[in-house]
Protein backbone atom coordinates (compact mmCIF):
# COMPACT_ATOMS: atom_id res chain seq x y z
CA MET A 1 13.08 -55.26 -7.22
CA PRO A 2 10.87 -53.91 -10.05
CA THR A 3 12.33 -54.07 -13.57
CA GLU A 4 12.17 -51.13 -15.94
CA ILE A 5 10.84 -51.80 -19.44
CA LEU A 6 12.89 -49.65 -21.80
CA MET A 7 12.01 -48.05 -25.13
CA PRO A 8 13.25 -50.63 -27.66
CA ALA A 9 15.51 -49.98 -30.64
CA LEU A 10 13.38 -51.55 -33.38
CA SER A 11 15.95 -50.82 -36.07
CA PRO A 12 19.72 -50.20 -36.04
CA THR A 13 19.25 -46.50 -36.86
CA MET A 14 16.37 -45.79 -34.46
CA GLU A 15 17.20 -43.15 -31.84
CA GLU A 16 13.69 -42.22 -30.69
CA GLY A 17 10.11 -43.14 -31.42
CA THR A 18 6.47 -42.47 -30.63
CA LEU A 19 4.63 -44.68 -28.16
CA ALA A 20 1.53 -44.94 -30.31
CA LYS A 21 -0.60 -47.32 -28.26
CA TRP A 22 -0.38 -49.46 -25.16
CA LEU A 23 -1.74 -52.99 -25.61
CA VAL A 24 -1.63 -53.68 -21.86
CA LYS A 25 -2.67 -51.76 -18.76
CA GLU A 26 -1.38 -51.51 -15.22
CA GLY A 27 -2.07 -54.72 -13.33
CA ASP A 28 -1.98 -56.98 -16.41
CA THR A 29 0.11 -60.14 -16.22
CA VAL A 30 2.41 -60.65 -19.22
CA SER A 31 4.69 -63.44 -20.40
CA SER A 32 7.67 -63.45 -22.72
CA GLY A 33 6.44 -62.85 -26.27
CA ASP A 34 3.23 -61.04 -25.29
CA LEU A 35 2.57 -57.78 -27.15
CA LEU A 36 3.04 -54.73 -24.94
CA ALA A 37 2.73 -51.69 -27.20
CA GLU A 38 2.76 -50.29 -30.72
CA ILE A 39 5.82 -48.15 -31.42
CA GLU A 40 6.08 -45.72 -34.34
CA THR A 41 9.62 -45.44 -35.71
CA ASP A 42 10.74 -43.08 -38.45
CA LYS A 43 9.70 -45.72 -41.00
CA ALA A 44 6.90 -47.89 -39.66
CA THR A 45 4.57 -48.80 -36.79
CA MET A 46 5.77 -51.97 -35.10
CA GLU A 47 4.64 -54.13 -32.20
CA PHE A 48 6.85 -54.42 -29.12
CA GLU A 49 7.01 -57.78 -27.32
CA ALA A 50 7.72 -58.57 -23.67
CA VAL A 51 10.99 -60.38 -22.99
CA ASP A 52 10.27 -61.21 -19.33
CA GLU A 53 7.22 -62.37 -17.41
CA GLY A 54 5.61 -60.34 -14.64
CA VAL A 55 2.90 -57.80 -13.87
CA ILE A 56 2.73 -54.31 -15.36
CA GLY A 57 3.22 -52.25 -12.19
CA LYS A 58 3.29 -48.77 -13.66
CA ILE A 59 3.12 -47.19 -17.11
CA LEU A 60 5.58 -44.29 -17.24
CA VAL A 61 4.97 -42.98 -20.77
CA ALA A 62 1.45 -42.20 -21.96
CA GLU A 63 0.03 -43.19 -25.34
CA GLY A 64 0.82 -40.73 -28.10
CA THR A 65 4.04 -39.46 -26.51
CA GLU A 66 6.51 -38.47 -29.23
CA GLY A 67 10.28 -38.27 -29.09
CA VAL A 68 10.77 -41.08 -26.57
CA LYS A 69 14.48 -41.88 -26.61
CA VAL A 70 15.68 -45.43 -27.10
CA ASN A 71 16.56 -47.13 -23.77
CA SER A 72 14.52 -44.66 -21.70
CA PRO A 73 12.04 -46.26 -19.21
CA ILE A 74 8.46 -46.55 -20.45
CA ALA A 75 6.98 -48.93 -17.86
CA VAL A 76 7.81 -50.95 -14.76
CA LEU A 77 7.46 -54.74 -14.55
CA LEU A 78 6.85 -56.46 -11.21
CA ALA A 79 8.15 -59.96 -10.51
CA ASP A 80 6.56 -62.60 -8.26
CA GLY A 81 6.11 -61.30 -4.72
CA GLU A 82 6.33 -57.65 -5.71
CA SER A 83 3.42 -55.23 -5.60
CA ALA A 84 2.56 -51.79 -6.85
CA ASP A 85 3.80 -50.43 -3.51
CA ASP A 86 7.32 -51.34 -4.62
CA VAL A 87 7.10 -48.85 -7.46
CA ALA A 88 7.94 -45.33 -6.33
CA ALA A 89 5.46 -42.79 -7.67
CA ALA A 90 7.10 -40.45 -10.15
CA PRO A 91 6.05 -38.44 -13.23
CA ALA A 92 6.61 -39.98 -16.62
CA PRO A 93 10.04 -39.11 -18.04
CA LYS A 94 9.99 -36.19 -20.43
CA PRO A 95 11.18 -37.07 -23.94
CA GLU A 96 13.57 -34.10 -23.89
CA ALA A 97 15.24 -35.36 -20.73
CA ALA A 98 15.32 -39.01 -21.72
CA GLN A 99 18.57 -38.73 -23.65
CA ASP A 100 20.66 -38.93 -20.48
CA THR A 101 18.96 -42.27 -19.70
CA ALA A 102 19.59 -43.56 -23.23
CA GLN A 103 23.26 -42.50 -23.08
CA ALA A 104 23.68 -44.17 -19.70
CA ALA A 105 22.12 -47.37 -21.05
CA ASP A 106 24.42 -47.29 -24.09
CA ALA A 107 27.38 -46.95 -21.73
CA GLY A 108 26.16 -50.00 -19.81
CA ASP A 109 24.75 -48.14 -16.79
CA LYS A 110 21.42 -48.91 -15.13
CA ALA A 111 19.38 -45.82 -14.33
CA ALA A 112 17.97 -45.67 -10.79
CA PRO A 113 14.19 -46.16 -10.53
CA ALA A 114 12.25 -42.94 -10.64
CA GLY A 115 11.77 -41.51 -7.18
CA GLY A 116 13.99 -44.18 -5.64
CA SER A 117 16.70 -43.81 -3.04
CA ALA A 118 20.03 -42.27 -4.03
CA SER A 119 21.83 -45.40 -2.87
CA PRO A 120 21.06 -48.22 -5.33
CA ALA A 121 19.69 -51.26 -3.54
CA SER A 122 20.52 -54.32 -5.60
CA PRO A 123 20.98 -52.49 -8.93
CA ALA A 124 21.05 -54.34 -12.20
CA PRO A 125 24.62 -54.98 -13.39
CA ALA A 126 26.08 -52.89 -16.17
CA ALA A 127 25.22 -53.99 -19.68
CA PRO A 128 27.88 -56.60 -20.53
CA VAL A 129 30.33 -56.35 -23.40
CA ALA A 130 31.76 -59.33 -25.28
CA ALA A 131 35.46 -59.88 -25.82
CA ASP A 132 35.19 -58.45 -29.34
CA GLY A 133 33.81 -55.17 -27.97
CA ASN A 134 30.20 -55.74 -29.03
CA ARG A 135 27.48 -55.16 -26.45
CA ILE A 136 25.61 -58.23 -25.21
CA PHE A 137 21.87 -57.56 -25.18
CA ALA A 138 20.14 -58.92 -22.09
CA SER A 139 17.13 -57.89 -20.04
CA PRO A 140 17.84 -56.18 -16.69
CA LEU A 141 16.38 -59.16 -14.82
CA ALA A 142 18.60 -61.57 -16.76
CA ARG A 143 21.67 -59.47 -15.95
CA ARG A 144 20.83 -59.49 -12.24
CA ILE A 145 20.32 -63.24 -12.15
CA ALA A 146 23.56 -63.81 -14.07
CA ALA A 147 25.44 -61.60 -11.63
CA ASP A 148 23.95 -63.45 -8.63
CA LYS A 149 24.88 -66.84 -10.14
CA GLY A 150 28.31 -65.70 -11.30
CA LEU A 151 27.60 -66.50 -14.95
CA ASP A 152 29.25 -64.97 -18.00
CA LEU A 153 26.51 -63.71 -20.34
CA ALA A 154 28.92 -63.93 -23.30
CA SER A 155 28.59 -67.72 -23.18
CA ILE A 156 24.77 -67.77 -23.05
CA ALA A 157 22.64 -67.91 -26.19
CA GLY A 158 19.62 -65.60 -26.08
CA SER A 159 16.14 -66.75 -27.11
CA GLY A 160 14.45 -63.33 -26.92
CA PRO A 161 13.74 -60.95 -29.79
CA ARG A 162 16.84 -60.43 -31.96
CA GLY A 163 18.84 -62.79 -29.75
CA ARG A 164 18.31 -60.90 -26.49
CA ILE A 165 19.10 -62.90 -23.34
CA ILE A 166 16.06 -63.24 -21.08
CA LYS A 167 15.34 -64.65 -17.64
CA SER A 168 14.74 -68.26 -18.73
CA ASP A 169 18.03 -68.35 -20.69
CA VAL A 170 20.02 -67.47 -17.58
CA GLU A 171 18.05 -69.79 -15.26
CA ASN A 172 18.70 -72.74 -17.59
CA ALA A 173 22.31 -71.83 -18.32
CA THR A 174 25.33 -73.85 -17.30
CA ALA A 175 27.82 -71.23 -18.40
CA ALA A 176 31.31 -70.93 -17.00
CA PRO A 177 31.79 -68.47 -14.14
CA LYS A 178 32.46 -64.93 -15.23
CA GLU A 179 36.07 -63.75 -15.11
CA PRO A 180 36.79 -60.81 -12.77
CA ALA A 181 36.30 -57.54 -14.58
CA ALA A 182 39.29 -55.37 -15.29
CA LEU A 183 39.65 -52.24 -13.22
CA ALA A 184 37.85 -49.26 -14.65
CA PRO A 185 39.84 -46.16 -15.58
CA THR A 186 40.25 -43.64 -12.78
CA ALA A 187 37.68 -40.93 -12.53
CA SER A 188 40.42 -38.30 -12.81
CA ALA A 189 41.05 -39.17 -16.47
CA ALA A 190 40.20 -36.08 -18.50
CA PRO A 191 37.51 -36.67 -21.13
CA ALA A 192 38.38 -36.01 -24.74
CA ALA A 193 37.34 -32.60 -25.95
CA ALA A 194 34.09 -32.75 -27.85
CA ALA A 195 34.32 -31.76 -31.49
CA PRO A 196 32.35 -28.63 -32.33
CA ALA A 197 28.98 -29.30 -33.92
CA PRO A 198 28.83 -28.42 -37.61
CA ALA A 199 26.88 -25.34 -38.58
CA THR A 200 23.30 -26.19 -39.42
CA GLY A 201 22.13 -22.85 -40.79
CA PRO A 202 19.94 -20.21 -39.16
CA SER A 203 17.81 -21.22 -36.19
CA ALA A 204 14.04 -21.64 -36.35
CA ASP A 205 13.56 -18.34 -34.50
CA MET A 206 15.86 -16.50 -36.91
CA VAL A 207 13.99 -17.85 -39.92
CA ALA A 208 10.61 -17.00 -38.36
CA LYS A 209 11.74 -13.41 -37.82
CA MET A 210 12.57 -13.10 -41.52
CA TYR A 211 8.91 -13.77 -42.33
CA GLU A 212 7.23 -11.68 -39.64
CA GLY A 213 4.07 -10.17 -41.05
CA ARG A 214 3.74 -12.84 -43.75
CA ALA A 215 1.05 -15.52 -43.50
CA TYR A 216 2.32 -19.09 -43.20
CA GLU A 217 1.42 -22.43 -41.65
CA GLU A 218 3.97 -24.18 -39.47
CA VAL A 219 4.23 -27.88 -40.36
CA LYS A 220 5.55 -30.12 -37.61
CA LEU A 221 8.23 -32.59 -38.70
CA ASP A 222 7.40 -36.25 -38.15
CA GLY A 223 10.01 -38.89 -37.41
CA MET A 224 10.45 -39.86 -41.06
CA ARG A 225 11.09 -36.30 -42.24
CA LYS A 226 13.55 -35.69 -39.39
CA THR A 227 15.44 -38.85 -40.31
CA ILE A 228 15.52 -38.00 -44.02
CA ALA A 229 16.80 -34.50 -43.22
CA ALA A 230 19.51 -35.78 -40.88
CA ARG A 231 20.72 -38.71 -42.96
CA LEU A 232 20.82 -36.95 -46.32
CA SER A 233 22.44 -33.82 -44.86
CA GLU A 234 25.11 -36.07 -43.39
CA ALA A 235 25.43 -37.99 -46.66
CA LYS A 236 25.89 -34.87 -48.78
CA GLN A 237 28.43 -33.42 -46.35
CA THR A 238 30.50 -36.55 -45.72
CA ILE A 239 30.33 -38.64 -48.91
CA PRO A 240 32.63 -37.51 -51.75
CA HIS A 241 30.09 -37.70 -54.60
CA PHE A 242 30.92 -37.73 -58.27
CA TYR A 243 28.53 -38.15 -61.17
CA LEU A 244 28.48 -40.17 -64.40
CA ARG A 245 25.86 -39.57 -67.11
CA ARG A 246 24.73 -41.64 -70.07
CA ASP A 247 21.86 -41.69 -72.57
CA ILE A 248 20.24 -45.09 -73.15
CA GLN A 249 18.23 -46.06 -76.23
CA LEU A 250 15.14 -47.97 -75.13
CA ASP A 251 13.49 -49.07 -78.38
CA ALA A 252 14.73 -52.67 -78.19
CA LEU A 253 13.72 -52.89 -74.52
CA LEU A 254 10.24 -51.47 -75.15
CA ALA A 255 9.62 -53.93 -77.99
CA PHE A 256 10.90 -56.84 -75.89
CA ARG A 257 8.80 -55.75 -72.90
CA SER A 258 5.67 -55.59 -75.05
CA GLN A 259 6.31 -59.11 -76.33
CA LEU A 260 6.90 -60.52 -72.83
CA ASN A 261 3.81 -58.82 -71.39
CA LYS A 262 1.62 -60.43 -74.02
CA GLN A 263 3.00 -63.84 -73.08
CA LEU A 264 2.66 -63.16 -69.33
CA GLU A 265 -0.85 -61.74 -69.53
CA GLY A 266 -2.43 -65.04 -68.55
CA ARG A 267 -0.36 -65.10 -65.34
CA GLY A 268 -1.43 -61.60 -64.37
CA VAL A 269 2.13 -60.24 -64.65
CA LYS A 270 2.85 -56.91 -66.28
CA LEU A 271 6.50 -55.90 -66.45
CA SER A 272 7.45 -52.25 -66.12
CA VAL A 273 10.53 -50.49 -67.46
CA ASN A 274 11.63 -50.15 -63.84
CA ASP A 275 11.67 -53.95 -63.50
CA PHE A 276 14.16 -54.14 -66.35
CA ILE A 277 16.27 -51.40 -64.75
CA ILE A 278 16.42 -53.35 -61.48
CA LYS A 279 17.52 -56.47 -63.32
CA ALA A 280 20.05 -54.51 -65.40
CA VAL A 281 21.65 -53.02 -62.28
CA ALA A 282 21.71 -56.38 -60.48
CA ASN A 283 23.39 -58.13 -63.39
CA ALA A 284 25.85 -55.25 -63.85
CA LEU A 285 26.94 -55.54 -60.22
CA GLN A 286 27.80 -59.18 -60.92
CA ALA A 287 29.67 -58.26 -64.12
CA VAL A 288 31.66 -55.59 -62.25
CA PRO A 289 31.96 -57.18 -58.78
CA GLU A 290 34.43 -54.59 -57.42
CA ALA A 291 31.59 -52.05 -57.58
CA ASN A 292 29.19 -54.30 -55.64
CA ALA A 293 30.45 -52.93 -52.35
CA VAL A 294 29.57 -50.73 -49.37
CA TRP A 295 31.55 -48.31 -47.23
CA ALA A 296 32.07 -49.57 -43.67
CA GLY A 297 33.98 -46.77 -41.97
CA ASP A 298 37.53 -48.12 -42.06
CA ARG A 299 37.04 -50.75 -44.75
CA VAL A 300 35.01 -51.74 -47.80
CA LEU A 301 32.68 -54.74 -47.76
CA GLN A 302 32.48 -56.36 -51.18
CA MET A 303 29.12 -58.10 -51.48
CA LYS A 304 28.52 -61.44 -53.19
CA ALA A 305 24.83 -61.17 -54.13
CA SER A 306 23.21 -58.18 -55.84
CA ASP A 307 20.91 -56.54 -53.29
CA VAL A 308 19.31 -53.54 -55.01
CA ALA A 309 17.39 -50.82 -53.15
CA VAL A 310 14.63 -48.94 -54.97
CA ALA A 311 13.28 -45.57 -53.81
CA VAL A 312 9.50 -45.53 -53.31
CA ALA A 313 7.72 -42.22 -52.72
CA ILE A 314 5.14 -42.23 -49.96
CA GLU A 315 3.17 -39.45 -48.28
CA GLY A 316 5.62 -37.35 -46.30
CA GLY A 317 8.81 -39.07 -47.40
CA LEU A 318 10.19 -42.18 -49.03
CA PHE A 319 11.28 -45.76 -48.42
CA THR A 320 14.05 -47.68 -50.15
CA PRO A 321 12.94 -51.34 -49.95
CA VAL A 322 15.65 -53.80 -50.90
CA LEU A 323 15.27 -56.63 -53.41
CA GLN A 324 17.75 -59.22 -52.22
CA ASP A 325 19.50 -61.58 -54.66
CA ALA A 326 18.04 -59.64 -57.58
CA ASP A 327 20.66 -61.08 -59.93
CA VAL A 328 19.23 -64.61 -59.65
CA LYS A 329 15.53 -63.69 -59.78
CA SER A 330 13.45 -63.63 -62.96
CA LEU A 331 11.93 -60.42 -64.27
CA SER A 332 8.45 -61.62 -63.31
CA ALA A 333 9.61 -62.48 -59.77
CA LEU A 334 11.24 -59.07 -59.39
CA SER A 335 8.10 -57.37 -60.70
CA THR A 336 5.83 -59.19 -58.24
CA GLU A 337 8.16 -58.58 -55.29
CA MET A 338 8.61 -54.89 -56.15
CA LYS A 339 4.84 -54.32 -56.36
CA ASP A 340 4.38 -55.98 -52.96
CA LEU A 341 7.18 -53.99 -51.32
CA ALA A 342 5.96 -50.72 -52.80
CA ALA A 343 2.38 -51.31 -51.65
CA ARG A 344 3.43 -52.14 -48.10
CA ALA A 345 5.89 -49.22 -48.08
CA ARG A 346 3.04 -46.81 -48.82
CA ASP A 347 1.11 -48.34 -45.91
CA ARG A 348 4.25 -48.15 -43.73
CA LYS A 349 4.06 -51.89 -43.11
CA LEU A 350 7.61 -52.86 -44.06
CA ALA A 351 9.77 -54.66 -41.51
CA PRO A 352 13.25 -53.14 -40.92
CA HIS A 353 15.05 -55.96 -42.74
CA GLU A 354 13.04 -55.14 -45.87
CA TYR A 355 14.36 -51.58 -46.21
CA GLN A 356 17.85 -51.87 -44.72
CA GLY A 357 20.95 -53.06 -46.52
CA GLY A 358 21.68 -53.25 -50.20
CA ALA A 359 24.81 -52.05 -51.98
CA PHE A 360 23.31 -49.89 -54.72
CA ALA A 361 20.07 -47.97 -55.20
CA ILE A 362 17.74 -46.80 -57.97
CA SER A 363 15.63 -43.63 -57.95
CA ASN A 364 13.27 -43.31 -60.93
CA LEU A 365 11.52 -39.97 -61.48
CA GLY A 366 10.86 -40.63 -65.15
CA MET A 367 7.21 -41.34 -64.47
CA PHE A 368 6.91 -37.74 -63.21
CA GLY A 369 8.26 -36.33 -66.47
CA ILE A 370 11.74 -35.50 -65.11
CA ASP A 371 14.35 -35.67 -67.88
CA ASN A 372 17.39 -36.04 -65.59
CA PHE A 373 18.52 -35.30 -62.04
CA ASP A 374 21.30 -36.03 -59.55
CA ALA A 375 20.43 -38.29 -56.59
CA ILE A 376 22.18 -38.36 -53.19
CA VAL A 377 23.98 -41.55 -52.22
CA ASN A 378 22.28 -43.18 -49.22
CA PRO A 379 25.03 -44.59 -46.95
CA PRO A 380 26.42 -47.19 -46.79
CA HIS A 381 25.54 -47.71 -50.49
CA SER A 382 28.32 -47.12 -53.00
CA GLY A 383 26.05 -45.46 -55.56
CA ILE A 384 22.59 -44.64 -56.82
CA LEU A 385 21.21 -44.51 -60.36
CA ALA A 386 18.92 -41.55 -61.05
CA VAL A 387 16.57 -42.43 -63.93
CA GLY A 388 14.81 -39.87 -66.09
CA ALA A 389 11.94 -40.15 -68.55
CA GLY A 390 12.28 -41.82 -71.94
CA SER A 391 11.37 -39.53 -74.84
CA LYS A 392 11.67 -39.45 -78.61
CA LYS A 393 14.88 -37.77 -79.76
CA PRO A 394 16.91 -37.54 -82.97
CA VAL A 395 20.04 -39.71 -82.83
CA VAL A 396 22.79 -40.61 -85.27
CA GLY A 397 22.73 -44.32 -86.09
CA ALA A 398 25.72 -46.62 -86.44
CA ASP A 399 25.58 -46.12 -90.21
CA GLY A 400 25.72 -42.35 -89.82
CA GLU A 401 22.09 -41.78 -90.70
CA LEU A 402 19.81 -39.60 -88.58
CA LYS A 403 16.91 -41.44 -86.96
CA VAL A 404 14.40 -41.08 -84.14
CA ALA A 405 14.85 -43.18 -81.01
CA THR A 406 13.39 -43.38 -77.51
CA VAL A 407 16.18 -42.10 -75.26
CA MET A 408 16.37 -42.22 -71.47
CA SER A 409 18.92 -40.15 -69.55
CA VAL A 410 20.49 -41.61 -66.39
CA THR A 411 22.93 -40.17 -63.86
CA MET A 412 24.92 -42.41 -61.54
CA SER A 413 25.97 -40.77 -58.26
CA VAL A 414 28.98 -42.57 -56.80
CA ASP A 415 30.80 -42.65 -53.47
CA HIS A 416 34.42 -42.01 -54.47
CA ARG A 417 35.68 -43.79 -51.34
CA VAL A 418 34.38 -47.06 -52.77
CA ILE A 419 34.29 -46.62 -56.54
CA ASP A 420 36.81 -44.71 -58.65
CA GLY A 421 36.02 -43.08 -61.98
CA ALA A 422 37.05 -45.90 -64.31
CA LEU A 423 35.32 -48.53 -62.17
CA GLY A 424 32.15 -46.44 -62.08
CA ALA A 425 32.31 -46.00 -65.86
CA ASN A 426 32.57 -49.78 -66.29
CA LEU A 427 29.55 -50.34 -64.05
CA LEU A 428 27.45 -47.78 -65.92
CA ALA A 429 28.53 -49.24 -69.25
CA ALA A 430 27.35 -52.68 -68.09
CA ILE A 431 23.97 -51.21 -67.07
CA VAL A 432 23.60 -49.54 -70.47
CA GLU A 433 24.56 -52.75 -72.28
CA ASN A 434 21.89 -54.70 -70.39
CA LEU A 435 19.15 -52.16 -71.11
CA GLU A 436 19.98 -51.68 -74.78
CA ASN A 437 20.24 -55.44 -75.31
CA PRO A 438 17.58 -56.76 -72.90
CA MET A 439 17.68 -60.38 -74.06
CA VAL A 440 21.24 -60.57 -72.66
CA MET A 441 19.73 -60.31 -69.16
CA LEU A 442 17.90 -63.60 -69.68
CA ALA A 443 20.98 -65.50 -70.83
């Protein structure tokens, strides 16, 4: 029977996307790995590959459709011997109604083909779950073949995108027969009461009524802005923030940076103050390893390497690309990598693995003239360093004499579930030590 092609989850946090462009048309023959469409997520535009071979029998979602839920059908693939007559004519699924399909897919159910009979003829088996409770990702066709052959998908290695099991994996498999499934709970079991949704403020209609008679332009939220609003609202409401502040004297760093830039001029490398801040944070996370951690719901994951995320402003939002293993990279390597990541972030060309992860983040608004500010921790990070501008200020020297120094104010926002006050103070002290004595970072 025809196989539904579902809206892919191109990142772990993706819930919906925009089907920007189809790269195939009805009647085209495709093979595993062929490009089918361009999908806009909240962060980037990515290409979607086929995982099975066949003929595009029907396109269910038109180009430009926004709000297409993950796991909702977007097209129908025909196998050998099938024709367009096997595809029941039906309107494309509305994005608003697609959530039921996505929830059913998450629960391991296979939605009936649009316009099909109420009694499922040869339905695809439920999405399998491994012994450890994790879902096994397999194409609908692969699940059907595995069920027909009595194979356990948990013992089959997938060769599709992100390890997904596809048709050829199952056909070539010699897996052990699947154990009989345990009986499902009875339908009479009462579902748990849903927790009330938290208050989200006045509705759009209520706000609009407040401004009746006043001229305004309504700006539609894109996927990125929706995601920023949702994630940071959740972060501020659920993460117990506390804040640590320090002033950092930058004169030694500025002199050292000037000297290094002269020596690196022939290589086309120009270090910024932000490059030193990245290195200082990375080294500090190694000096205070208990703070190099992330919150994982019911446990803390203490990281080994220093993976530092850096906020990059782009039109309509921001990215936080991650510099992995920043503690072992040179300043020039960090500078080159950061420039590349920032440039591709502004073009929305970053791959998900380049902006996901990290244990700690940096947000620098000093270049905009901001003296100091408090940043919001981006989960699952344990903290974020908000960096202000460096400016000339009077300070009292170690000998008690008044002098003028270049001072930068920083505020470290910390997740109290991961880092306590004294531990956070130690981490910030290590960052300050690195920046006020920059040659230590090269030792």
